[in-house]
């Protein structure tokens, strides 16, 4: 039985976005869907978000969603901060796209660097911001501002 499957969103890194737009129809054959459509939902500095719509059997549409959804290891110990987890997610999606489409990773000098580069991971700007007066008023910063 052919059904319209609920749409879902995938985040595609900038370095693979053009290739994804050109080759997404390959997914129709690989997943077994009758029809697949993509629509740009959001553009951020590091990735594009696409809404994926499909029609087919329940199994084929679920297979499509599974093919485009990276699986991440659960960080039980809570060792990863938000920036590190974002980097893990991005790398998992790049690997997934390389496996599904055969995309070749661009040379490192062509990749946009994330805000989470190694030089910034230990940045203490937040601590400096909390301990300084955001409005530049002398004597306005005291213990009340640093209570969180």
N, C-alpha and C. Protein backbone atom coordinates (compact mmCIF):
# COMPACT_ATOMS: atom_id res chain seq x y z
N UNK A 1 0.84 -1.18 0.00
CA UNK A 1 0.00 0.00 0.00
C UNK A 1 0.89 1.25 0.00
N UNK A 2 0.66 2.15 -0.91
CA UNK A 2 1.43 3.39 -1.04
C UNK A 2 0.84 4.45 -0.11
N UNK A 3 1.73 5.05 0.69
CA UNK A 3 1.30 6.08 1.64
C UNK A 3 2.20 7.30 1.53
N UNK A 4 1.66 8.49 1.88
CA UNK A 4 2.54 9.65 2.05
C UNK A 4 3.14 9.56 3.45
N UNK A 5 4.44 9.59 3.55
CA UNK A 5 5.13 9.45 4.83
C UNK A 5 5.31 10.83 5.46
N UNK A 6 5.22 10.93 6.79
CA UNK A 6 5.44 12.24 7.43
C UNK A 6 6.84 12.78 7.09
N UNK A 7 6.91 14.06 6.81
CA UNK A 7 8.20 14.66 6.44
C UNK A 7 9.14 14.68 7.65
N UNK A 8 10.44 14.73 7.36
CA UNK A 8 11.45 14.83 8.40
C UNK A 8 12.55 15.75 7.90
N UNK A 9 13.40 16.20 8.81
CA UNK A 9 14.43 17.18 8.48
C UNK A 9 15.81 16.55 8.64
N UNK A 10 16.69 16.83 7.68
CA UNK A 10 18.08 16.40 7.77
C UNK A 10 18.98 17.62 7.65
N UNK A 11 20.11 17.58 8.33
CA UNK A 11 21.10 18.65 8.26
C UNK A 11 22.26 18.18 7.40
N UNK A 12 22.49 18.88 6.31
CA UNK A 12 23.54 18.52 5.36
C UNK A 12 24.65 19.57 5.45
N UNK A 13 25.89 19.14 5.72
CA UNK A 13 26.99 20.11 5.78
C UNK A 13 27.15 20.85 4.44
N UNK A 14 27.58 22.10 4.51
CA UNK A 14 27.75 22.92 3.30
C UNK A 14 28.57 22.20 2.24
N UNK A 15 29.63 21.50 2.66
CA UNK A 15 30.53 20.88 1.69
C UNK A 15 29.84 19.81 0.84
N UNK A 16 28.69 19.29 1.29
CA UNK A 16 27.98 18.25 0.53
C UNK A 16 26.62 18.70 0.02
N UNK A 17 26.24 19.93 0.27
CA UNK A 17 24.89 20.37 -0.06
C UNK A 17 24.60 20.32 -1.56
N UNK A 18 25.51 20.84 -2.37
CA UNK A 18 25.28 20.84 -3.83
C UNK A 18 25.18 19.42 -4.36
N UNK A 19 26.06 18.54 -3.89
CA UNK A 19 26.02 17.14 -4.33
C UNK A 19 24.73 16.47 -3.88
N UNK A 20 24.27 16.78 -2.67
CA UNK A 20 23.03 16.20 -2.17
C UNK A 20 21.86 16.61 -3.05
N UNK A 21 21.80 17.89 -3.43
CA UNK A 21 20.71 18.37 -4.29
C UNK A 21 20.72 17.69 -5.66
N UNK A 22 21.91 17.40 -6.16
CA UNK A 22 22.04 16.77 -7.47
C UNK A 22 21.72 15.27 -7.44
N UNK A 23 22.00 14.60 -6.32
CA UNK A 23 21.94 13.14 -6.30
C UNK A 23 20.88 12.54 -5.36
N UNK A 24 20.01 13.37 -4.77
CA UNK A 24 19.06 12.82 -3.81
C UNK A 24 18.10 11.81 -4.44
N UNK A 25 17.86 11.89 -5.75
CA UNK A 25 16.94 10.94 -6.40
C UNK A 25 17.47 9.52 -6.34
N UNK A 26 18.78 9.36 -6.13
CA UNK A 26 19.35 8.03 -5.95
C UNK A 26 18.70 7.31 -4.77
N UNK A 27 18.25 8.09 -3.79
CA UNK A 27 17.61 7.52 -2.61
C UNK A 27 16.31 6.81 -2.96
N UNK A 28 15.62 7.28 -3.99
CA UNK A 28 14.35 6.67 -4.40
C UNK A 28 14.58 5.21 -4.75
N UNK A 29 15.61 4.94 -5.53
CA UNK A 29 15.93 3.57 -5.92
C UNK A 29 16.45 2.76 -4.72
N UNK A 30 17.37 3.35 -3.95
CA UNK A 30 17.98 2.63 -2.83
C UNK A 30 16.98 2.28 -1.73
N UNK A 31 16.05 3.20 -1.45
CA UNK A 31 15.07 2.95 -0.38
C UNK A 31 13.83 2.24 -0.90
N UNK A 32 13.55 2.37 -2.20
CA UNK A 32 12.36 1.74 -2.77
C UNK A 32 11.13 2.62 -2.72
N UNK A 33 11.30 3.93 -2.53
CA UNK A 33 10.16 4.85 -2.48
C UNK A 33 9.65 5.15 -3.89
N UNK A 34 8.38 5.52 -3.99
CA UNK A 34 7.76 5.90 -5.25
C UNK A 34 8.19 7.31 -5.64
N UNK A 35 8.23 8.22 -4.65
CA UNK A 35 8.57 9.61 -4.92
C UNK A 35 9.29 10.19 -3.71
N UNK A 36 10.28 11.06 -3.99
CA UNK A 36 11.00 11.76 -2.93
C UNK A 36 11.13 13.22 -3.36
N UNK A 37 10.89 14.12 -2.43
CA UNK A 37 11.06 15.55 -2.70
C UNK A 37 11.83 16.17 -1.55
N UNK A 38 12.68 17.16 -1.87
CA UNK A 38 13.41 17.87 -0.83
C UNK A 38 13.09 19.36 -0.96
N UNK A 39 13.17 20.04 0.17
CA UNK A 39 12.95 21.48 0.17
C UNK A 39 13.89 22.10 1.19
N UNK A 40 14.58 23.16 0.80
CA UNK A 40 15.48 23.85 1.72
C UNK A 40 14.64 24.49 2.81
N UNK A 41 14.96 24.17 4.03
CA UNK A 41 14.22 24.68 5.18
C UNK A 41 14.96 25.83 5.84
N UNK A 42 16.28 25.65 6.02
CA UNK A 42 17.05 26.63 6.76
C UNK A 42 18.50 26.58 6.30
N UNK A 43 19.13 27.73 6.26
CA UNK A 43 20.53 27.83 5.88
C UNK A 43 21.29 28.43 7.06
N UNK A 44 22.24 27.72 7.61
CA UNK A 44 23.07 28.23 8.71
C UNK A 44 24.50 28.33 8.21
N UNK A 45 25.39 28.92 8.97
CA UNK A 45 26.77 29.06 8.50
C UNK A 45 27.48 27.73 8.22
N UNK A 46 27.06 26.64 8.84
CA UNK A 46 27.78 25.38 8.68
C UNK A 46 27.02 24.30 7.94
N UNK A 47 25.70 24.41 7.83
CA UNK A 47 24.92 23.36 7.18
C UNK A 47 23.61 23.90 6.64
N UNK A 48 23.00 23.10 5.77
CA UNK A 48 21.66 23.37 5.26
C UNK A 48 20.72 22.34 5.88
N UNK A 49 19.53 22.78 6.25
CA UNK A 49 18.51 21.85 6.70
C UNK A 49 17.51 21.66 5.57
N UNK A 50 17.27 20.40 5.23
CA UNK A 50 16.31 20.07 4.18
C UNK A 50 15.15 19.30 4.79
N UNK A 51 13.94 19.62 4.33
CA UNK A 51 12.77 18.82 4.66
C UNK A 51 12.66 17.75 3.58
N UNK A 52 12.53 16.51 4.01
CA UNK A 52 12.42 15.37 3.10
C UNK A 52 10.98 14.86 3.14
N UNK A 53 10.34 14.79 1.99
CA UNK A 53 8.99 14.23 1.85
C UNK A 53 9.08 13.01 0.95
N UNK A 54 8.31 11.98 1.27
CA UNK A 54 8.35 10.78 0.44
C UNK A 54 6.99 10.09 0.40
N UNK A 55 6.84 9.28 -0.66
CA UNK A 55 5.67 8.41 -0.80
C UNK A 55 6.19 7.03 -1.17
N UNK A 56 5.54 6.02 -0.62
CA UNK A 56 5.92 4.65 -0.90
C UNK A 56 5.29 3.74 0.14
N UNK A 57 5.80 2.54 0.23
CA UNK A 57 5.31 1.66 1.29
C UNK A 57 5.87 2.15 2.62
N UNK A 58 5.25 1.77 3.69
CA UNK A 58 5.73 2.17 5.00
C UNK A 58 7.18 1.75 5.18
N UNK A 59 7.49 0.52 4.76
CA UNK A 59 8.85 0.00 4.92
C UNK A 59 9.87 0.81 4.12
N UNK A 60 9.52 1.18 2.88
CA UNK A 60 10.48 1.93 2.05
C UNK A 60 10.71 3.34 2.60
N UNK A 61 9.65 3.97 3.08
CA UNK A 61 9.79 5.31 3.64
C UNK A 61 10.57 5.30 4.95
N UNK A 62 10.35 4.27 5.76
CA UNK A 62 11.13 4.14 6.99
C UNK A 62 12.60 3.86 6.66
N UNK A 63 12.85 3.09 5.63
CA UNK A 63 14.22 2.81 5.21
C UNK A 63 14.90 4.10 4.76
N UNK A 64 14.18 4.95 4.04
CA UNK A 64 14.72 6.24 3.61
C UNK A 64 15.12 7.08 4.81
N UNK A 65 14.23 7.18 5.79
CA UNK A 65 14.54 7.97 6.98
C UNK A 65 15.75 7.40 7.72
N UNK A 66 15.81 6.09 7.80
CA UNK A 66 16.95 5.44 8.46
C UNK A 66 18.26 5.70 7.71
N UNK A 67 18.19 5.71 6.38
CA UNK A 67 19.39 5.95 5.57
C UNK A 67 19.95 7.36 5.78
N UNK A 68 19.08 8.32 6.11
CA UNK A 68 19.50 9.72 6.25
C UNK A 68 19.63 10.18 7.70
N UNK A 69 19.54 9.26 8.63
CA UNK A 69 19.62 9.63 10.04
C UNK A 69 20.88 9.03 10.66
N UNK A 70 21.84 9.89 11.04
CA UNK A 70 23.06 9.36 11.66
C UNK A 70 22.76 8.84 13.06
N UNK A 71 23.45 7.78 13.44
CA UNK A 71 23.31 7.21 14.78
C UNK A 71 24.54 7.59 15.58
N UNK A 72 24.33 8.16 16.75
CA UNK A 72 25.42 8.59 17.60
C UNK A 72 25.51 7.71 18.84
N UNK A 73 26.72 7.55 19.32
CA UNK A 73 26.93 6.82 20.56
C UNK A 73 26.45 7.68 21.72
N UNK A 74 25.80 7.06 22.68
CA UNK A 74 25.32 7.78 23.86
C UNK A 74 26.51 8.06 24.78
N UNK A 75 26.62 9.29 25.23
CA UNK A 75 27.71 9.71 26.12
C UNK A 75 27.23 9.55 27.57
N UNK A 76 27.33 8.33 28.09
CA UNK A 76 26.84 8.04 29.43
C UNK A 76 27.53 8.87 30.51
N UNK A 77 28.83 9.06 30.35
CA UNK A 77 29.59 9.77 31.37
C UNK A 77 29.39 11.28 31.29
N UNK A 78 28.81 11.76 30.22
CA UNK A 78 28.59 13.19 30.07
C UNK A 78 29.89 13.96 29.85
N UNK A 79 30.84 13.33 29.18
CA UNK A 79 32.15 13.95 28.97
C UNK A 79 32.15 15.00 27.88
N UNK A 80 31.19 14.95 26.97
CA UNK A 80 31.18 15.87 25.84
C UNK A 80 30.33 17.10 26.14
N UNK A 81 30.89 18.27 25.83
CA UNK A 81 30.08 19.47 25.97
C UNK A 81 29.27 19.65 24.69
N UNK A 82 28.47 20.70 24.64
CA UNK A 82 27.57 20.91 23.50
C UNK A 82 28.34 21.04 22.19
N UNK A 83 29.43 21.82 22.20
CA UNK A 83 30.22 22.03 20.99
C UNK A 83 30.84 20.73 20.49
N UNK A 84 31.32 19.92 21.40
CA UNK A 84 31.93 18.64 21.02
C UNK A 84 30.87 17.68 20.46
N UNK A 85 29.68 17.66 21.06
CA UNK A 85 28.61 16.81 20.58
C UNK A 85 28.16 17.26 19.19
N UNK A 86 28.13 18.55 18.97
CA UNK A 86 27.77 19.08 17.65
C UNK A 86 28.78 18.63 16.60
N UNK A 87 30.06 18.63 16.96
CA UNK A 87 31.11 18.17 16.05
C UNK A 87 30.96 16.68 15.76
N UNK A 88 30.64 15.88 16.78
CA UNK A 88 30.43 14.44 16.59
C UNK A 88 29.27 14.20 15.64
N UNK A 89 28.17 14.96 15.83
CA UNK A 89 26.99 14.83 14.98
C UNK A 89 27.33 15.19 13.53
N UNK A 90 28.07 16.28 13.35
CA UNK A 90 28.45 16.71 12.01
C UNK A 90 29.33 15.67 11.31
N UNK A 91 30.28 15.13 12.03
CA UNK A 91 31.15 14.09 11.45
C UNK A 91 30.38 12.83 11.10
N UNK A 92 29.41 12.47 11.95
CA UNK A 92 28.59 11.28 11.68
C UNK A 92 27.75 11.49 10.42
N UNK A 93 27.23 12.70 10.23
CA UNK A 93 26.43 12.97 9.04
C UNK A 93 27.30 12.96 7.79
N UNK A 94 28.51 13.52 7.87
CA UNK A 94 29.42 13.49 6.72
C UNK A 94 29.75 12.05 6.35
N UNK A 95 30.03 11.22 7.34
CA UNK A 95 30.35 9.81 7.08
C UNK A 95 29.15 9.09 6.46
N UNK A 96 27.95 9.37 6.97
CA UNK A 96 26.74 8.76 6.43
C UNK A 96 26.57 9.12 4.95
N UNK A 97 26.75 10.40 4.62
CA UNK A 97 26.60 10.85 3.23
C UNK A 97 27.66 10.24 2.33
N UNK A 98 28.86 10.09 2.86
CA UNK A 98 29.93 9.46 2.08
C UNK A 98 29.59 8.00 1.78
N UNK A 99 28.99 7.32 2.76
CA UNK A 99 28.62 5.91 2.58
C UNK A 99 27.42 5.74 1.65
N UNK A 100 26.38 6.56 1.82
CA UNK A 100 25.16 6.43 1.03
C UNK A 100 25.36 6.87 -0.41
N UNK A 101 26.02 8.02 -0.61
CA UNK A 101 26.15 8.60 -1.94
C UNK A 101 27.53 8.39 -2.57
N UNK A 102 28.50 7.99 -1.78
CA UNK A 102 29.85 7.87 -2.31
C UNK A 102 30.54 9.22 -2.45
N UNK A 103 30.06 10.24 -1.72
CA UNK A 103 30.69 11.55 -1.79
C UNK A 103 32.14 11.45 -1.33
N UNK A 104 32.99 12.22 -1.97
CA UNK A 104 34.40 12.27 -1.60
C UNK A 104 34.61 13.51 -0.74
N UNK A 105 35.21 13.34 0.44
CA UNK A 105 35.39 14.50 1.31
C UNK A 105 36.26 15.56 0.64
N UNK A 106 35.90 16.84 0.79
CA UNK A 106 36.72 17.90 0.21
C UNK A 106 38.04 18.00 0.97
N UNK A 107 39.06 18.57 0.34
CA UNK A 107 40.33 18.76 1.04
C UNK A 107 40.13 19.62 2.28
N UNK A 108 40.91 19.39 3.31
CA UNK A 108 40.75 20.10 4.58
C UNK A 108 40.82 21.62 4.41
N UNK A 109 41.63 22.12 3.49
CA UNK A 109 41.75 23.57 3.34
C UNK A 109 40.51 24.20 2.73
N UNK A 110 39.58 23.40 2.18
CA UNK A 110 38.35 23.94 1.61
C UNK A 110 37.18 23.91 2.59
N UNK A 111 37.33 23.22 3.71
CA UNK A 111 36.24 23.13 4.67
C UNK A 111 36.13 24.40 5.48
N UNK A 112 34.89 24.81 5.76
CA UNK A 112 34.69 25.92 6.67
C UNK A 112 34.96 25.41 8.07
N UNK A 113 35.63 26.20 8.86
CA UNK A 113 35.92 25.78 10.22
C UNK A 113 34.77 26.17 11.13
N UNK A 114 34.40 25.23 11.97
CA UNK A 114 33.32 25.47 12.91
C UNK A 114 33.81 26.37 14.04
N UNK A 115 32.89 26.89 14.78
CA UNK A 115 33.24 27.70 15.95
C UNK A 115 33.89 26.83 17.01
N UNK A 116 33.85 25.53 16.83
CA UNK A 116 34.37 24.62 17.84
C UNK A 116 35.75 24.11 17.46
N UNK A 117 36.54 24.92 16.79
CA UNK A 117 37.88 24.47 16.44
C UNK A 117 38.70 24.30 17.70
N UNK A 118 39.78 23.56 17.59
CA UNK A 118 40.58 23.22 18.76
C UNK A 118 41.06 24.45 19.50
N UNK A 119 41.34 25.53 18.83
CA UNK A 119 41.82 26.74 19.48
C UNK A 119 40.78 27.41 20.36
N UNK A 120 39.52 27.09 20.15
CA UNK A 120 38.46 27.75 20.91
C UNK A 120 37.79 26.84 21.92
N UNK A 121 38.12 25.59 21.96
CA UNK A 121 37.37 24.67 22.81
C UNK A 121 37.51 25.00 24.29
N UNK A 122 38.65 25.52 24.71
CA UNK A 122 38.82 25.86 26.11
C UNK A 122 38.57 27.32 26.38
N UNK A 123 37.90 28.01 25.48
CA UNK A 123 37.69 29.44 25.60
C UNK A 123 36.88 29.76 26.84
N UNK A 124 37.30 30.77 27.53
CA UNK A 124 36.62 31.16 28.77
C UNK A 124 35.90 32.49 28.60
N UNK A 125 35.48 32.81 27.37
CA UNK A 125 34.77 34.08 27.15
C UNK A 125 33.52 34.18 28.00
N UNK A 126 32.80 33.07 28.15
CA UNK A 126 31.58 33.12 28.95
C UNK A 126 31.89 33.53 30.37
N UNK A 127 32.96 32.94 30.95
CA UNK A 127 33.32 33.29 32.32
C UNK A 127 33.74 34.76 32.39
N UNK A 128 34.46 35.25 31.38
CA UNK A 128 34.86 36.66 31.38
C UNK A 128 33.63 37.54 31.27
N UNK A 129 32.67 37.15 30.44
CA UNK A 129 31.47 37.95 30.26
C UNK A 129 30.66 38.02 31.55
N UNK A 130 30.55 36.90 32.24
CA UNK A 130 29.77 36.87 33.48
C UNK A 130 30.41 37.74 34.53
N UNK A 131 31.74 37.76 34.58
CA UNK A 131 32.41 38.51 35.64
C UNK A 131 32.58 39.99 35.30
N UNK A 132 32.24 40.41 34.07
CA UNK A 132 32.35 41.82 33.73
C UNK A 132 30.95 42.41 33.60
N UNK A 133 30.88 43.71 33.73
CA UNK A 133 29.60 44.39 33.62
C UNK A 133 29.19 44.49 32.15
N UNK A 134 28.04 43.94 31.77
CA UNK A 134 27.64 43.95 30.37
C UNK A 134 27.31 45.35 29.83
N UNK A 135 27.04 46.31 30.72
CA UNK A 135 26.66 47.64 30.29
C UNK A 135 27.80 48.64 30.39
N UNK A 136 28.95 48.22 30.91
CA UNK A 136 30.12 49.09 31.02
C UNK A 136 30.02 50.13 32.10
N UNK A 137 29.17 49.90 33.10
CA UNK A 137 29.02 50.86 34.19
C UNK A 137 29.99 50.51 35.32
N UNK A 138 30.77 51.51 35.76
CA UNK A 138 31.72 51.27 36.85
C UNK A 138 30.97 50.93 38.13
N UNK A 139 31.47 49.93 38.83
CA UNK A 139 30.90 49.56 40.13
C UNK A 139 29.60 48.80 40.05
N UNK A 140 29.09 48.51 38.85
CA UNK A 140 27.80 47.82 38.73
C UNK A 140 27.93 46.32 38.88
N UNK A 141 29.12 45.78 38.69
CA UNK A 141 29.30 44.34 38.78
C UNK A 141 29.60 43.97 40.22
N UNK A 142 28.80 43.07 40.76
CA UNK A 142 29.04 42.58 42.11
C UNK A 142 28.59 41.12 42.16
N UNK A 143 28.54 40.55 43.33
CA UNK A 143 28.21 39.14 43.50
C UNK A 143 26.83 38.78 42.97
N UNK A 144 25.89 39.76 42.97
CA UNK A 144 24.54 39.47 42.49
C UNK A 144 24.56 39.04 41.02
N UNK A 145 25.42 39.61 40.21
CA UNK A 145 25.48 39.31 38.79
C UNK A 145 26.09 37.95 38.51
N UNK A 146 26.84 37.42 39.45
CA UNK A 146 27.53 36.15 39.24
C UNK A 146 26.87 35.00 40.00
N UNK A 147 25.61 35.14 40.33
CA UNK A 147 24.94 34.12 41.14
C UNK A 147 24.58 32.88 40.37
N UNK A 148 24.60 32.90 39.05
CA UNK A 148 24.26 31.71 38.29
C UNK A 148 25.50 31.08 37.84
